[in-house]
Amino acid sequence: MTRPGAGSWLLGAAVLVVVAALTIYFATIGSPQLLRQQREDQQRLQDLHRLSIQLEKYQTVHGRLPTSQSDLVEDVLRDPVTGQPYEYLPSSTNPASFRLCASFTAPLRRKGGWDEINGQQRPAQAGRHCFVFETGEVAR
């Protein structure tokens, strides 16, 4: 019967340290899938912000909001995963108001920062959410 040497114990300790470090990393940072989903959600928020600016410029030039995104000169912004255009809903009661909607895939891990748009916090849970925008201009 051979007794394990010091090298075996050292290898075992090194494996234990690596496993502990990975566990701590994934517990604090998140899994690669969660990080990818958070990047996609961040892209969605940036897209919605860009789209809101495009819509406000359209209203400044034309005196009204467009009836659909296809009226915009710029390319229609699309969800980074599904490839579908973001949902644009002009208000039927206020000609200077509209909603932009997207489906978010990652739950929020913190509040503030990239998870806000137009001063509105997106909900903590994943799922579809609409942001309300007021252009401040009265349609002619």
Protein backbone atom coordinates (compact mmCIF):
# COMPACT_ATOMS: atom_id res chain seq x y z
CA MET A 1 0.00 0.00 0.00
CA THR A 2 1.45 3.35 -1.02
CA ARG A 3 0.79 6.51 0.89
CA PRO A 4 -0.12 9.60 -1.08
CA GLY A 5 2.76 12.02 -1.32
CA ALA A 6 2.84 15.74 -0.73
CA GLY A 7 2.25 16.35 -4.45
CA SER A 8 -1.17 14.67 -4.28
CA TRP A 9 -2.23 16.81 -1.35
CA LEU A 10 -1.00 19.93 -3.09
CA LEU A 11 -2.92 19.05 -6.27
CA GLY A 12 -6.08 18.39 -4.22
CA ALA A 13 -5.75 21.73 -2.44
CA ALA A 14 -5.22 23.54 -5.75
CA VAL A 15 -8.36 21.95 -7.24
CA LEU A 16 -10.33 22.94 -4.14
CA VAL A 17 -9.12 26.56 -4.40
CA VAL A 18 -10.07 26.73 -8.10
CA VAL A 19 -13.55 25.28 -7.44
CA ALA A 20 -14.09 27.72 -4.56
CA ALA A 21 -12.95 30.67 -6.71
CA LEU A 22 -15.28 29.70 -9.56
CA THR A 23 -18.18 29.29 -7.15
CA ILE A 24 -17.58 32.75 -5.69
CA TYR A 25 -17.19 34.25 -9.18
CA PHE A 26 -20.47 32.83 -10.49
CA ALA A 27 -22.29 33.74 -7.26
CA THR A 28 -21.23 37.40 -7.45
CA ILE A 29 -20.92 38.05 -11.18
CA GLY A 30 -23.38 35.56 -12.62
CA SER A 31 -23.26 32.78 -15.12
CA PRO A 32 -22.06 33.37 -18.69
CA GLN A 33 -25.68 33.01 -19.84
CA LEU A 34 -26.87 35.68 -17.37
CA LEU A 35 -24.07 38.03 -18.42
CA ARG A 36 -25.05 37.57 -22.08
CA GLN A 37 -28.71 38.26 -21.24
CA GLN A 38 -27.73 41.41 -19.32
CA ARG A 39 -25.70 42.65 -22.32
CA GLU A 40 -28.69 41.99 -24.60
CA ASP A 41 -31.01 43.87 -22.21
CA GLN A 42 -28.56 46.76 -22.11
CA GLN A 43 -28.60 46.84 -25.91
CA ARG A 44 -32.42 46.88 -25.84
CA LEU A 45 -32.43 49.91 -23.53
CA GLN A 46 -29.89 51.74 -25.69
CA ASP A 47 -31.98 50.95 -28.78
CA LEU A 48 -35.16 52.25 -27.14
CA HIS A 49 -33.37 55.44 -26.18
CA ARG A 50 -32.10 55.92 -29.77
CA LEU A 51 -35.56 55.18 -31.13
CA SER A 52 -37.14 57.76 -28.80
CA ILE A 53 -34.70 60.39 -30.12
CA GLN A 54 -35.54 59.45 -33.72
CA LEU A 55 -39.26 59.77 -32.96
CA GLU A 56 -38.83 63.16 -31.31
CA LYS A 57 -36.79 64.41 -34.30
CA TYR A 58 -39.53 63.18 -36.63
CA GLN A 59 -42.12 65.13 -34.66
CA THR A 60 -39.98 68.27 -34.76
CA VAL A 61 -39.65 68.07 -38.54
CA HIS A 62 -43.18 66.87 -39.42
CA GLY A 63 -45.22 68.39 -36.59
CA ARG A 64 -46.56 65.00 -35.52
CA LEU A 65 -45.37 61.60 -34.41
CA PRO A 66 -45.14 58.94 -37.11
CA THR A 67 -47.87 56.34 -37.38
CA SER A 68 -45.26 53.55 -37.45
CA GLN A 69 -41.51 53.04 -37.22
CA SER A 70 -41.34 52.46 -40.96
CA ASP A 71 -42.06 56.22 -41.43
CA LEU A 72 -38.64 57.02 -39.96
CA VAL A 73 -35.73 57.72 -42.31
CA GLU A 74 -33.28 55.76 -40.16
CA ASP A 75 -33.18 51.99 -40.12
CA VAL A 76 -35.82 50.34 -37.98
CA LEU A 77 -34.18 49.24 -34.73
CA ARG A 78 -34.65 45.57 -33.91
CA ASP A 79 -34.34 43.32 -30.89
CA PRO A 80 -30.79 41.90 -30.78
CA VAL A 81 -32.04 38.33 -30.26
CA THR A 82 -35.37 38.00 -32.07
CA GLY A 83 -34.67 40.45 -34.89
CA GLN A 84 -38.19 41.85 -34.50
CA PRO A 85 -38.75 45.63 -34.47
CA TYR A 86 -39.39 47.14 -31.06
CA GLU A 87 -43.00 47.90 -30.33
CA TYR A 88 -43.93 51.55 -30.94
CA LEU A 89 -47.36 52.64 -29.68
CA PRO A 90 -48.40 56.25 -30.32
CA SER A 91 -50.98 57.47 -27.81
CA SER A 92 -54.53 57.65 -29.10
CA THR A 93 -55.38 60.43 -26.62
CA ASN A 94 -52.19 62.54 -26.48
CA PRO A 95 -50.52 63.39 -29.81
CA ALA A 96 -47.23 64.16 -28.04
CA SER A 97 -47.01 60.85 -26.19
CA PHE A 98 -45.91 57.36 -27.16
CA ARG A 99 -44.77 54.07 -25.64
CA LEU A 100 -41.80 51.92 -26.61
CA CYS A 101 -41.85 48.29 -25.54
CA ALA A 102 -39.31 45.47 -25.38
CA SER A 103 -39.04 42.04 -23.80
CA PHE A 104 -36.20 41.77 -21.31
CA THR A 105 -34.61 38.40 -20.56
CA ALA A 106 -32.50 38.97 -17.45
CA PRO A 107 -33.78 39.89 -13.99
CA LEU A 108 -32.23 43.02 -12.52
CA ARG A 109 -29.40 42.48 -10.07
CA ARG A 110 -29.18 46.15 -9.07
CA LYS A 111 -31.11 49.37 -9.51
CA GLY A 112 -29.98 52.48 -11.29
CA GLY A 113 -27.58 52.94 -14.14
CA TRP A 114 -28.15 51.15 -17.42
CA ASP A 115 -31.56 49.75 -16.39
CA GLU A 116 -33.27 53.15 -16.58
CA ILE A 117 -34.57 55.04 -19.58
CA ASN A 118 -36.32 58.39 -19.67
CA GLY A 119 -36.16 58.47 -15.86
CA GLN A 120 -38.15 55.24 -15.64
CA GLN A 121 -36.83 52.10 -13.94
CA ARG A 122 -37.50 48.86 -15.73
CA PRO A 123 -39.13 46.19 -13.54
CA ALA A 124 -36.92 43.78 -11.65
CA GLN A 125 -38.44 40.73 -13.32
CA ALA A 126 -37.70 39.64 -16.85
CA GLY A 127 -40.51 40.08 -19.37
CA ARG A 128 -42.19 42.66 -21.56
CA HIS A 129 -42.09 46.28 -20.40
CA CYS A 130 -43.20 49.56 -22.00
CA PHE A 131 -41.67 52.97 -21.34
CA VAL A 132 -43.82 56.10 -21.73
CA PHE A 133 -42.40 59.14 -23.51
CA GLU A 134 -43.76 62.70 -23.74
CA THR A 135 -42.16 64.77 -26.48
CA GLY A 136 -43.19 68.11 -25.04
CA GLU A 137 -44.38 69.29 -28.44
CA VAL A 138 -47.98 69.75 -29.37
CA ALA A 139 -48.85 68.23 -32.71
CA ARG A 140 -49.98 70.72 -35.35
